[in-house]
Amino acid sequence: MIMLILNGKKAGLAEIRQSVHQLRSQGQDLLVRCTWEGGDIARFVDEAVSLNVTRIIVGGGDGTVNELAHSLAILSKRIGTSNTSGAQLPEMAILPLGTANDFATACGIPSQISSALELAVNGAAHSIDLGLANGRFFINVASAGFGAQVTVETPVELKNLLGGQAYFISGLLQAMKFTPYEGRVTAKGANGEMLSIQGAGLLGAICNGRMAGGGQQLAPHAYLNDGLLDVLLLEHFPPTSLKQVVDELSDPALDGDYVQRFQATEVEIQSKEPLPVNLDGEPTSGRNHKFSVLPGAVKLVLPDDTPMLMASI
């Protein structure tokens, strides 16, 4: 049995109804649930387990996908510590229905509803990592500072009108008046080495996936099954260095004067002022943020040709 959880704002789309009816006519046992308020997805996940649902498809944007990933990760921990009922963790699949759909796009999941549902129902599931930020799981990217502020302050009307480009336009406008955050970043690298950076920064992106902000490739070499987080740091720069910064951001192999990239298993950001952080579209704020990776946390349905899996693992 499969459960489809739809963001309530998208539940009335005619193409979804047609695709669901078609799948049911082919004999697929498909339950449909729609969100109305906070906590619905967690409740639906508990219901799915009680009904022996083997796979949950989540229909929505990156924030809705995050809610399901977080709920499944919490359930996985609960099952792992006290599984007296023999419950199994459902697999996860994605029906992209958001503005940017950065995570699904990077994974190669089709944007067309019927094709995405076909993959979600019949595709193979793979174990993937999740990020953890102050007790909250994320599946794609945790952005701190300027990047988080852009996501939060981009008007919904602008997103609806321009799609992913809205983040870019909003970002340009905000960059002109942005005050950098003073703080320190410490990290445990891929080989256990420790790294410490202190200064004024505009952006910190801790990536499990590759793409954020409406199609921006923040971590083009990230994999979902390598047990690592890909970190991007952008330090404060003068207006005269804008072209250099753009060049450094455009070249993932370049570790420049203002842009630094590295892989880590743990990252901590400490700032003098409360630092906005955005987890797959969900905002939070604080002076101290700790990030880590949880390898193989959930199973996600992905296309056979997805670029997001490291083949040797």
C-alpha atoms as a PDB file:
ATOM      1  CA  MET A   1       0.000   0.000   0.000  1.00  0.00           C
ATOM      2  CA  ILE A   2       1.201   3.512  -0.876  1.00  0.00           C
ATOM      3  CA  MET A   3       0.182   6.816   0.712  1.00  0.00           C
ATOM      4  CA  LEU A   4       0.230  10.147  -1.144  1.00  0.00           C
ATOM      5  CA  ILE A   5       0.488  13.173   1.157  1.00  0.00           C
ATOM      6  CA  LEU A   6      -0.368  16.393  -0.665  1.00  0.00           C
ATOM      7  CA  ASN A   7       0.268  19.931   0.440  1.00  0.00           C
ATOM      8  CA  GLY A   8      -3.277  21.212   0.946  1.00  0.00           C
ATOM      9  CA  LYS A   9      -2.664  24.186  -1.341  1.00  0.00           C
ATOM     10  CA  LYS A  10      -2.012  21.826  -4.273  1.00  0.00           C
ATOM     11  CA  ALA A  11      -4.643  19.152  -3.592  1.00  0.00           C
ATOM     12  CA  GLY A  12      -7.169  20.527  -6.090  1.00  0.00           C
ATOM     13  CA  LEU A  13      -4.951  20.289  -9.168  1.00  0.00           C
ATOM     14  CA  ALA A  14      -6.875  18.440 -11.878  1.00  0.00           C
ATOM     15  CA  GLU A  15      -3.805  16.610 -13.190  1.00  0.00           C
ATOM     16  CA  ILE A  16      -3.134  15.100  -9.764  1.00  0.00           C
ATOM     17  CA  ARG A  17      -6.701  13.816  -9.520  1.00  0.00           C
ATOM     18  CA  GLN A  18      -6.492  12.343 -13.017  1.00  0.00           C
ATOM     19  CA  SER A  19      -3.163  10.640 -12.307  1.00  0.00           C
ATOM     20  CA  VAL A  20      -4.420   9.200  -9.010  1.00  0.00           C
ATOM     21  CA  HIS A  21      -7.570   7.848 -10.679  1.00  0.00           C
ATOM     22  CA  GLN A  22      -5.467   6.275 -13.421  1.00  0.00           C
ATOM     23  CA  LEU A  23      -3.131   4.569 -10.937  1.00  0.00           C
ATOM     24  CA  ARG A  24      -6.091   3.230  -8.969  1.00  0.00           C
ATOM     25  CA  SER A  25      -7.725   1.933 -12.158  1.00  0.00           C
ATOM     26  CA  GLN A  26      -4.512  -0.019 -12.788  1.00  0.00           C
ATOM     27  CA  GLY A  27      -4.924  -1.747  -9.435  1.00  0.00           C
ATOM     28  CA  GLN A  28      -2.625   0.435  -7.334  1.00  0.00           C
ATOM     29  CA  ASP A  29      -3.703   0.633  -3.690  1.00  0.00           C
ATOM     30  CA  LEU A  30      -3.173   4.358  -3.160  1.00  0.00           C
ATOM     31  CA  LEU A  31      -4.318   6.359  -0.134  1.00  0.00           C
ATOM     32  CA  VAL A  32      -4.468  10.165  -0.391  1.00  0.00           C
ATOM     33  CA  ARG A  33      -4.070  12.575   2.519  1.00  0.00           C
ATOM     34  CA  CYS A  34      -3.974  16.398   2.407  1.00  0.00           C
ATOM     35  CA  THR A  35      -2.298  18.726   4.885  1.00  0.00           C
ATOM     36  CA  TRP A  36      -4.271  21.455   6.595  1.00  0.00           C
ATOM     37  CA  GLU A  37      -2.129  22.584   9.530  1.00  0.00           C
ATOM     38  CA  GLY A  38       1.224  22.072  11.212  1.00  0.00           C
ATOM     39  CA  GLY A  39       1.881  18.541  12.415  1.00  0.00           C
ATOM     40  CA  ASP A  40      -0.335  16.876   9.808  1.00  0.00           C
ATOM     41  CA  ILE A  41       2.526  15.102   8.050  1.00  0.00           C
ATOM     42  CA  ALA A  42       3.844  13.606  11.287  1.00  0.00           C
ATOM     43  CA  ARG A  43       0.338  12.319  12.068  1.00  0.00           C
ATOM     44  CA  PHE A  44      -0.033  10.879   8.566  1.00  0.00           C
ATOM     45  CA  VAL A  45       3.307   9.083   8.923  1.00  0.00           C
ATOM     46  CA  ASP A  46       2.106   7.443  12.151  1.00  0.00           C
ATOM     47  CA  GLU A  47      -1.102   6.440  10.372  1.00  0.00           C
ATOM     48  CA  ALA A  48       0.911   5.020   7.475  1.00  0.00           C
ATOM     49  CA  VAL A  49       2.911   2.791   9.808  1.00  0.00           C
ATOM     50  CA  SER A  50      -0.248   1.525  11.519  1.00  0.00           C
ATOM     51  CA  LEU A  51      -1.679   0.632   8.078  1.00  0.00           C
ATOM     52  CA  ASN A  52       1.544  -1.099   6.932  1.00  0.00           C
ATOM     53  CA  VAL A  53       2.094   1.460   4.175  1.00  0.00           C
ATOM     54  CA  THR A  54       5.381   0.631   2.432  1.00  0.00           C
ATOM     55  CA  ARG A  55       5.950   3.919   0.618  1.00  0.00           C
ATOM     56  CA  ILE A  56       4.911   7.529   1.214  1.00  0.00           C
ATOM     57  CA  ILE A  57       4.824  10.004  -1.684  1.00  0.00           C
ATOM     58  CA  VAL A  58       4.980  13.647  -0.647  1.00  0.00           C
ATOM     59  CA  GLY A  59       3.521  16.242  -3.007  1.00  0.00           C
ATOM     60  CA  GLY A  60       4.689  19.805  -2.444  1.00  0.00           C
ATOM     61  CA  GLY A  61       7.747  22.032  -2.437  1.00  0.00           C
ATOM     62  CA  ASP A  62      11.076  21.690  -0.637  1.00  0.00           C
ATOM     63  CA  GLY A  63       9.534  22.638   2.705  1.00  0.00           C
ATOM     64  CA  THR A  64       6.906  19.885   2.452  1.00  0.00           C
ATOM     65  CA  VAL A  65       9.562  17.368   1.428  1.00  0.00           C
ATOM     66  CA  ASN A  66      11.571  18.457   4.481  1.00  0.00           C
ATOM     67  CA  GLU A  67       8.588  17.763   6.770  1.00  0.00           C
ATOM     68  CA  LEU A  68       8.285  14.184   5.548  1.00  0.00           C
ATOM     69  CA  ALA A  69      12.036  13.541   5.745  1.00  0.00           C
ATOM     70  CA  HIS A  70      12.115  14.929   9.293  1.00  0.00           C
ATOM     71  CA  SER A  71       9.096  12.869  10.374  1.00  0.00           C
ATOM     72  CA  LEU A  72      10.555   9.671   8.893  1.00  0.00           C
ATOM     73  CA  ALA A  73      13.926  10.300  10.553  1.00  0.00           C
ATOM     74  CA  ILE A  74      12.249  10.816  13.930  1.00  0.00           C
ATOM     75  CA  LEU A  75      10.231   7.632  13.384  1.00  0.00           C
ATOM     76  CA  SER A  76      13.394   5.757  12.400  1.00  0.00           C
ATOM     77  CA  LYS A  77      15.024   6.708  15.695  1.00  0.00           C
ATOM     78  CA  ARG A  78      11.907   5.624  17.573  1.00  0.00           C
ATOM     79  CA  ILE A  79      11.723   2.307  15.734  1.00  0.00           C
ATOM     80  CA  GLY A  80      15.424   1.711  16.252  1.00  0.00           C
ATOM     81  CA  THR A  81      15.298   2.183  20.018  1.00  0.00           C
ATOM     82  CA  SER A  82      12.044   0.439  20.928  1.00  0.00           C
ATOM     83  CA  ASN A  83      10.464  -1.474  18.071  1.00  0.00           C
ATOM     84  CA  THR A  84       8.224  -3.923  19.886  1.00  0.00           C
ATOM     85  CA  SER A  85       5.594  -4.051  17.133  1.00  0.00           C
ATOM     86  CA  GLY A  86       7.855  -4.977  14.218  1.00  0.00           C
ATOM     87  CA  ALA A  87       7.028  -1.721  12.411  1.00  0.00           C
ATOM     88  CA  GLN A  88       8.957  -0.918   9.248  1.00  0.00           C
ATOM     89  CA  LEU A  89      10.027   2.532   8.097  1.00  0.00           C
ATOM     90  CA  PRO A  90       8.162   3.476   4.886  1.00  0.00           C
ATOM     91  CA  GLU A  91      10.168   4.493   1.845  1.00  0.00           C
ATOM     92  CA  MET A  92       9.943   8.078   0.644  1.00  0.00           C
ATOM     93  CA  ALA A  93       9.115   9.447  -2.824  1.00  0.00           C
ATOM     94  CA  ILE A  94       8.616  12.971  -4.165  1.00  0.00           C
ATOM     95  CA  LEU A  95       5.980  14.624  -6.343  1.00  0.00           C
ATOM     96  CA  PRO A  96       7.451  18.111  -7.024  1.00  0.00           C
ATOM     97  CA  LEU A  97       4.761  20.785  -6.663  1.00  0.00           C
ATOM     98  CA  GLY A  98       6.678  23.780  -5.297  1.00  0.00           C
ATOM     99  CA  THR A  99       8.029  27.006  -6.764  1.00  0.00           C
ATOM    100  CA  ALA A 100      11.643  25.982  -7.254  1.00  0.00           C
ATOM    101  CA  ASN A 101      11.740  22.241  -6.386  1.00  0.00           C
ATOM    102  CA  ASP A 102      15.508  22.497  -6.012  1.00  0.00           C
ATOM    103  CA  PHE A 103      16.019  19.124  -4.377  1.00  0.00           C
ATOM    104  CA  ALA A 104      13.829  17.174  -6.796  1.00  0.00           C
ATOM    105  CA  THR A 105      15.379  18.945  -9.794  1.00  0.00           C
ATOM    106  CA  ALA A 106      18.919  18.099  -8.702  1.00  0.00           C
ATOM    107  CA  CYS A 107      17.865  14.467  -8.224  1.00  0.00           C
ATOM    108  CA  GLY A 108      16.459  14.295 -11.749  1.00  0.00           C
ATOM    109  CA  ILE A 109      12.876  13.681 -10.597  1.00  0.00           C
ATOM    110  CA  PRO A 110      10.457  14.657 -13.413  1.00  0.00           C
ATOM    111  CA  SER A 111       8.583  17.929 -13.048  1.00  0.00           C
ATOM    112  CA  GLN A 112       5.578  16.613 -14.999  1.00  0.00           C
ATOM    113  CA  ILE A 113       2.998  15.280 -12.540  1.00  0.00           C
ATOM    114  CA  SER A 114       2.100  11.991 -14.217  1.00  0.00           C
ATOM    115  CA  SER A 115       5.759  11.110 -14.857  1.00  0.00           C
ATOM    116  CA  ALA A 116       6.753  12.006 -11.307  1.00  0.00           C
ATOM    117  CA  LEU A 117       3.943   9.847  -9.880  1.00  0.00           C
ATOM    118  CA  GLU A 118       4.901   6.963 -12.144  1.00  0.00           C
ATOM    119  CA  LEU A 119       8.452   7.113 -10.801  1.00  0.00           C
ATOM    120  CA  ALA A 120       7.212   7.556  -7.225  1.00  0.00           C
ATOM    121  CA  VAL A 121       5.068   4.437  -7.432  1.00  0.00           C
ATOM    122  CA  ASN A 122       7.332   2.129  -9.435  1.00  0.00           C
ATOM    123  CA  GLY A 123      10.880   3.452  -8.965  1.00  0.00           C
ATOM    124  CA  ALA A 124      13.598   1.911  -6.801  1.00  0.00           C
ATOM    125  CA  ALA A 125      14.358   3.373  -3.366  1.00  0.00           C
ATOM    126  CA  HIS A 126      17.924   4.033  -2.177  1.00  0.00           C
ATOM    127  CA  SER A 127      19.352   4.754   1.260  1.00  0.00           C
ATOM    128  CA  ILE A 128      20.323   8.425   1.552  1.00  0.00           C
ATOM    129  CA  ASP A 129      21.840  10.698   4.192  1.00  0.00           C
ATOM    130  CA  LEU A 130      20.062  13.497   6.015  1.00  0.00           C
ATOM    131  CA  GLY A 131      21.527  16.588   7.628  1.00  0.00           C
ATOM    132  CA  LEU A 132      20.787  17.473  11.239  1.00  0.00           C
ATOM    133  CA  ALA A 133      20.687  21.069  12.487  1.00  0.00           C
ATOM    134  CA  ASN A 134      20.062  21.686  16.199  1.00  0.00           C
ATOM    135  CA  GLY A 135      17.838  18.612  16.381  1.00  0.00           C
ATOM    136  CA  ARG A 136      15.964  19.316  13.137  1.00  0.00           C
ATOM    137  CA  PHE A 137      16.609  17.117  10.096  1.00  0.00           C
ATOM    138  CA  PHE A 138      16.996  18.514   6.596  1.00  0.00           C
ATOM    139  CA  ILE A 139      17.263  16.730   3.274  1.00  0.00           C
ATOM    140  CA  ASN A 140      18.659  19.413   0.956  1.00  0.00           C
ATOM    141  CA  VAL A 141      20.399  22.563   2.202  1.00  0.00           C
ATOM    142  CA  ALA A 142      20.735  24.531   5.418  1.00  0.00           C
ATOM    143  CA  SER A 143      21.541  28.127   4.476  1.00  0.00           C
ATOM    144  CA  ALA A 144      22.781  30.619   7.056  1.00  0.00           C
ATOM    145  CA  GLY A 145      23.000  34.404   6.982  1.00  0.00           C
ATOM    146  CA  PHE A 146      22.295  36.151   3.705  1.00  0.00           C
ATOM    147  CA  GLY A 147      21.011  33.016   1.921  1.00  0.00           C
ATOM    148  CA  ALA A 148      18.479  32.297   4.662  1.00  0.00           C
ATOM    149  CA  GLN A 149      17.344  35.925   4.681  1.00  0.00           C
ATOM    150  CA  VAL A 150      16.735  35.885   0.918  1.00  0.00           C
ATOM    151  CA  THR A 151      14.551  32.780   1.160  1.00  0.00           C
ATOM    152  CA  VAL A 152      12.462  34.132   4.032  1.00  0.00           C
ATOM    153  CA  GLU A 153      12.012  37.674   2.671  1.00  0.00           C
ATOM    154  CA  THR A 154      11.201  36.793  -0.941  1.00  0.00           C
ATOM    155  CA  PRO A 155       7.492  37.653  -1.317  1.00  0.00           C
ATOM    156  CA  VAL A 156       5.119  34.798  -2.191  1.00  0.00           C
ATOM    157  CA  GLU A 157       3.648  36.891  -5.013  1.00  0.00           C
ATOM    158  CA  LEU A 158       7.113  37.259  -6.560  1.00  0.00           C
ATOM    159  CA  LYS A 159       7.723  33.498  -6.310  1.00  0.00           C
ATOM    160  CA  ASN A 160       4.392  32.772  -8.006  1.00  0.00           C
ATOM    161  CA  LEU A 161       5.119  35.255 -10.793  1.00  0.00           C
ATOM    162  CA  LEU A 162       8.758  34.472 -11.522  1.00  0.00           C
ATOM    163  CA  GLY A 163       9.395  31.008 -10.052  1.00  0.00           C
ATOM    164  CA  GLY A 164      13.010  30.293  -9.104  1.00  0.00           C
ATOM    165  CA  GLN A 165      14.206  33.588 -10.592  1.00  0.00           C
ATOM    166  CA  ALA A 166      12.417  35.377  -7.753  1.00  0.00           C
ATOM    167  CA  TYR A 167      15.120  34.283  -5.312  1.00  0.00           C
ATOM    168  CA  PHE A 168      17.862  35.676  -7.562  1.00  0.00           C
ATOM    169  CA  ILE A 169      16.138  39.036  -8.068  1.00  0.00           C
ATOM    170  CA  SER A 170      15.279  39.342  -4.384  1.00  0.00           C
ATOM    171  CA  GLY A 171      18.861  38.426  -3.507  1.00  0.00           C
ATOM    172  CA  LEU A 172      20.320  41.182  -5.677  1.00  0.00           C
ATOM    173  CA  LEU A 173      18.086  43.769  -4.051  1.00  0.00           C
ATOM    174  CA  GLN A 174      18.928  42.617  -0.518  1.00  0.00           C
ATOM    175  CA  ALA A 175      22.674  42.303  -1.150  1.00  0.00           C
ATOM    176  CA  MET A 176      22.895  46.053  -1.641  1.00  0.00           C
ATOM    177  CA  LYS A 177      21.856  46.696   1.981  1.00  0.00           C
ATOM    178  CA  PHE A 178      23.121  43.565   3.708  1.00  0.00           C
ATOM    179  CA  THR A 179      25.220  43.771   6.875  1.00  0.00           C
ATOM    180  CA  PRO A 180      27.593  40.788   7.250  1.00  0.00           C
ATOM    181  CA  TYR A 181      27.504  38.563  10.313  1.00  0.00           C
ATOM    182  CA  GLU A 182      30.562  38.368  12.566  1.00  0.00           C
ATOM    183  CA  GLY A 183      31.336  34.923  13.888  1.00  0.00           C
ATOM    184  CA  ARG A 184      33.307  31.692  13.801  1.00  0.00           C
ATOM    185  CA  VAL A 185      32.858  28.486  11.819  1.00  0.00           C
ATOM    186  CA  THR A 186      34.445  25.267  13.081  1.00  0.00           C
ATOM    187  CA  ALA A 187      34.184  21.953  11.258  1.00  0.00           C
ATOM    188  CA  LYS A 188      35.299  18.343  11.373  1.00  0.00           C
ATOM    189  CA  GLY A 189      36.506  17.447   7.904  1.00  0.00           C
ATOM    190  CA  ALA A 190      36.038  14.304   5.867  1.00  0.00           C
ATOM    191  CA  ASN A 191      39.239  12.765   7.275  1.00  0.00           C
ATOM    192  CA  GLY A 192      38.683  13.971  10.831  1.00  0.00           C
ATOM    193  CA  GLU A 193      40.775  17.122  10.494  1.00  0.00           C
ATOM    194  CA  MET A 194      39.528  20.233  12.303  1.00  0.00           C
ATOM    195  CA  LEU A 195      38.970  23.569  10.547  1.00  0.00           C
ATOM    196  CA  SER A 196      38.315  26.975  12.097  1.00  0.00           C
ATOM    197  CA  ILE A 197      37.410  30.194  10.281  1.00  0.00           C
ATOM    198  CA  GLN A 198      36.620  33.524  11.920  1.00  0.00           C
ATOM    199  CA  GLY A 199      35.480  36.801  10.357  1.00  0.00           C
ATOM    200  CA  ALA A 200      32.595  38.574   8.646  1.00  0.00           C
ATOM    201  CA  GLY A 201      30.477  36.437   6.360  1.00  0.00           C
ATOM    202  CA  LEU A 202      27.522  36.802   4.036  1.00  0.00           C
ATOM    203  CA  LEU A 203      26.545  33.193   3.476  1.00  0.00           C
ATOM    204  CA  GLY A 204      27.058  29.744   4.858  1.00  0.00           C
ATOM    205  CA  ALA A 205      25.455  26.819   3.031  1.00  0.00           C
ATOM    206  CA  ILE A 206      25.626  23.351   4.552  1.00  0.00           C
ATOM    207  CA  CYS A 207      24.542  21.039   1.769  1.00  0.00           C
ATOM    208  CA  ASN A 208      23.282  17.474   1.613  1.00  0.00           C
ATOM    209  CA  GLY A 209      21.878  18.148  -1.847  1.00  0.00           C
ATOM    210  CA  ARG A 210      23.326  20.295  -4.617  1.00  0.00           C
ATOM    211  CA  MET A 211      20.897  23.067  -5.449  1.00  0.00           C
ATOM    212  CA  ALA A 212      19.031  25.848  -3.620  1.00  0.00           C
ATOM    213  CA  GLY A 213      17.640  29.350  -4.092  1.00  0.00           C
ATOM    214  CA  GLY A 214      15.742  28.684  -7.294  1.00  0.00           C
ATOM    215  CA  GLY A 215      18.299  26.638  -9.221  1.00  0.00           C
ATOM    216  CA  GLN A 216      21.610  27.908  -7.812  1.00  0.00           C
ATOM    217  CA  GLN A 217      24.262  25.160  -7.824  1.00  0.00           C
ATOM    218  CA  LEU A 218      25.744  25.556  -4.338  1.00  0.00           C
ATOM    219  CA  ALA A 219      27.368  22.125  -4.100  1.00  0.00           C
ATOM    220  CA  PRO A 220      27.587  20.605  -7.593  1.00  0.00           C
ATOM    221  CA  HIS A 221      29.634  17.613  -6.406  1.00  0.00           C
ATOM    222  CA  ALA A 222      27.497  16.654  -3.402  1.00  0.00           C
ATOM    223  CA  TYR A 223      26.124  13.120  -3.112  1.00  0.00           C
ATOM    224  CA  LEU A 224      23.230  11.845  -1.032  1.00  0.00           C
ATOM    225  CA  ASN A 225      25.012   8.687   0.078  1.00  0.00           C
ATOM    226  CA  ASP A 226      28.598   9.742   0.865  1.00  0.00           C
ATOM    227  CA  GLY A 227      28.152  10.425   4.587  1.00  0.00           C
ATOM    228  CA  LEU A 228      29.363  14.015   4.154  1.00  0.00           C
ATOM    229  CA  LEU A 229      28.043  17.562   4.107  1.00  0.00           C
ATOM    230  CA  ASP A 230      29.334  19.934   1.433  1.00  0.00           C
ATOM    231  CA  VAL A 231      29.983  23.374   2.924  1.00  0.00           C
ATOM    232  CA  LEU A 232      30.093  26.706   1.077  1.00  0.00           C
ATOM    233  CA  LEU A 233      31.228  29.859   2.875  1.00  0.00           C
ATOM    234  CA  LEU A 234      31.063  33.336   1.333  1.00  0.00           C
ATOM    235  CA  GLU A 235      32.998  36.005   3.205  1.00  0.00           C
ATOM    236  CA  HIS A 236      32.210  39.718   3.150  1.00  0.00           C
ATOM    237  CA  PHE A 237      33.575  41.444   0.028  1.00  0.00           C
ATOM    238  CA  PRO A 238      33.815  45.017  -1.271  1.00  0.00           C
ATOM    239  CA  PRO A 239      31.618  46.043  -4.242  1.00  0.00           C
ATOM    240  CA  THR A 240      34.734  46.291  -6.429  1.00  0.00           C
ATOM    241  CA  SER A 241      35.271  42.522  -6.017  1.00  0.00           C
ATOM    242  CA  LEU A 242      31.821  41.505  -7.220  1.00  0.00           C
ATOM    243  CA  LYS A 243      33.078  39.984 -10.497  1.00  0.00           C
ATOM    244  CA  GLN A 244      35.737  37.990  -8.648  1.00  0.00           C
ATOM    245  CA  VAL A 245      33.103  36.657  -6.225  1.00  0.00           C
ATOM    246  CA  VAL A 246      30.837  35.636  -9.112  1.00  0.00           C
ATOM    247  CA  ASP A 247      33.770  33.837 -10.754  1.00  0.00           C
ATOM    248  CA  GLU A 248      34.634  32.043  -7.512  1.00  0.00           C
ATOM    249  CA  LEU A 249      31.028  30.972  -6.972  1.00  0.00           C
ATOM    250  CA  SER A 250      30.790  29.746 -10.566  1.00  0.00           C
ATOM    251  CA  ASP A 251      33.844  27.482 -10.296  1.00  0.00           C
ATOM    252  CA  PRO A 252      33.297  24.646  -7.769  1.00  0.00           C
ATOM    253  CA  ALA A 253      36.973  23.682  -8.026  1.00  0.00           C
ATOM    254  CA  LEU A 254      38.134  27.159  -6.993  1.00  0.00           C
ATOM    255  CA  ASP A 255      38.868  27.956  -3.334  1.00  0.00           C
ATOM    256  CA  GLY A 256      39.234  31.709  -3.657  1.00  0.00           C
ATOM    257  CA  ASP A 257      39.708  34.842  -1.596  1.00  0.00           C
ATOM    258  CA  TYR A 258      36.029  35.132  -0.670  1.00  0.00           C
ATOM    259  CA  VAL A 259      34.539  31.692  -1.382  1.00  0.00           C
ATOM    260  CA  GLN A 260      35.598  28.557   0.483  1.00  0.00           C
ATOM    261  CA  ARG A 261      34.344  25.026  -0.092  1.00  0.00           C
ATOM    262  CA  PHE A 262      35.020  21.886   1.901  1.00  0.00           C
ATOM    263  CA  GLN A 263      33.382  18.651   3.058  1.00  0.00           C
ATOM    264  CA  ALA A 264      32.636  17.867   6.677  1.00  0.00           C
ATOM    265  CA  THR A 265      30.777  15.524   8.989  1.00  0.00           C
ATOM    266  CA  GLU A 266      30.156  18.207  11.628  1.00  0.00           C
ATOM    267  CA  VAL A 267      29.889  22.001  11.399  1.00  0.00           C
ATOM    268  CA  GLU A 268      29.291  24.620  14.070  1.00  0.00           C
ATOM    269  CA  ILE A 269      28.520  28.296  13.432  1.00  0.00           C
ATOM    270  CA  GLN A 270      28.765  30.794  16.295  1.00  0.00           C
ATOM    271  CA  SER A 271      27.768  34.413  15.671  1.00  0.00           C
ATOM    272  CA  LYS A 272      27.711  37.571  17.767  1.00  0.00           C
ATOM    273  CA  GLU A 273      24.182  38.409  16.635  1.00  0.00           C
ATOM    274  CA  PRO A 274      21.267  36.002  16.054  1.00  0.00           C
ATOM    275  CA  LEU A 275      21.929  34.309  12.726  1.00  0.00           C
ATOM    276  CA  PRO A 276      19.000  33.374  10.455  1.00  0.00           C
ATOM    277  CA  VAL A 277      19.164  29.785   9.219  1.00  0.00           C
ATOM    278  CA  ASN A 278      16.868  28.192   6.678  1.00  0.00           C
ATOM    279  CA  LEU A 279      16.375  24.402   6.565  1.00  0.00           C
ATOM    280  CA  ASP A 280      14.853  23.421   3.222  1.00  0.00           C
ATOM    281  CA  GLY A 281      12.688  26.544   3.365  1.00  0.00           C
ATOM    282  CA  GLU A 282      11.907  26.384   7.096  1.00  0.00           C
ATOM    283  CA  PRO A 283      13.345  29.412   8.971  1.00  0.00           C
ATOM    284  CA  THR A 284      14.988  29.517  12.386  1.00  0.00           C
ATOM    285  CA  SER A 285      17.433  31.826  14.158  1.00  0.00           C
ATOM    286  CA  GLY A 286      20.051  31.761  16.914  1.00  0.00           C
ATOM    287  CA  ARG A 287      23.650  32.528  17.872  1.00  0.00           C
ATOM    288  CA  ASN A 288      24.856  28.938  17.880  1.00  0.00           C
ATOM    289  CA  HIS A 289      24.049  26.338  15.215  1.00  0.00           C
ATOM    290  CA  LYS A 290      25.381  22.775  15.090  1.00  0.00           C
ATOM    291  CA  PHE A 291      25.141  20.652  11.954  1.00  0.00           C
ATOM    292  CA  SER A 292      25.925  16.979  11.395  1.00  0.00           C
ATOM    293  CA  VAL A 293      25.137  14.204   8.921  1.00  0.00           C
ATOM    294  CA  LEU A 294      23.114  11.038   9.539  1.00  0.00           C
ATOM    295  CA  PRO A 295      24.187   8.442   6.933  1.00  0.00           C
ATOM    296  CA  GLY A 296      21.511   6.197   5.428  1.00  0.00           C
ATOM    297  CA  ALA A 297      18.728   7.837   7.423  1.00  0.00           C
ATOM    298  CA  VAL A 298      15.843   7.188   4.990  1.00  0.00           C
ATOM    299  CA  LYS A 299      15.152   5.419   1.703  1.00  0.00           C
ATOM    300  CA  LEU A 300      14.248   7.702  -1.207  1.00  0.00           C
ATOM    301  CA  VAL A 301      12.897   6.784  -4.647  1.00  0.00           C
ATOM    302  CA  LEU A 302      15.250   8.139  -7.309  1.00  0.00           C
ATOM    303  CA  PRO A 303      15.562   7.795 -11.100  1.00  0.00           C
ATOM    304  CA  ASP A 304      17.961   5.105 -12.301  1.00  0.00           C
ATOM    305  CA  ASP A 305      20.160   7.782 -13.884  1.00  0.00           C
ATOM    306  CA  THR A 306      20.171  10.207 -10.949  1.00  0.00           C
ATOM    307  CA  PRO A 307      23.469  12.078 -10.551  1.00  0.00           C
ATOM    308  CA  MET A 308      23.001  12.281  -6.771  1.00  0.00           C
ATOM    309  CA  LEU A 309      24.225   8.788  -5.827  1.00  0.00           C
ATOM    310  CA  MET A 310      27.869   7.824  -5.495  1.00  0.00           C
ATOM    311  CA  ALA A 311      28.042   4.572  -7.436  1.00  0.00           C
ATOM    312  CA  SER A 312      30.895   3.053  -5.452  1.00  0.00           C
ATOM    313  CA  ILE A 313      28.901   3.096  -2.197  1.00  0.00           C
END
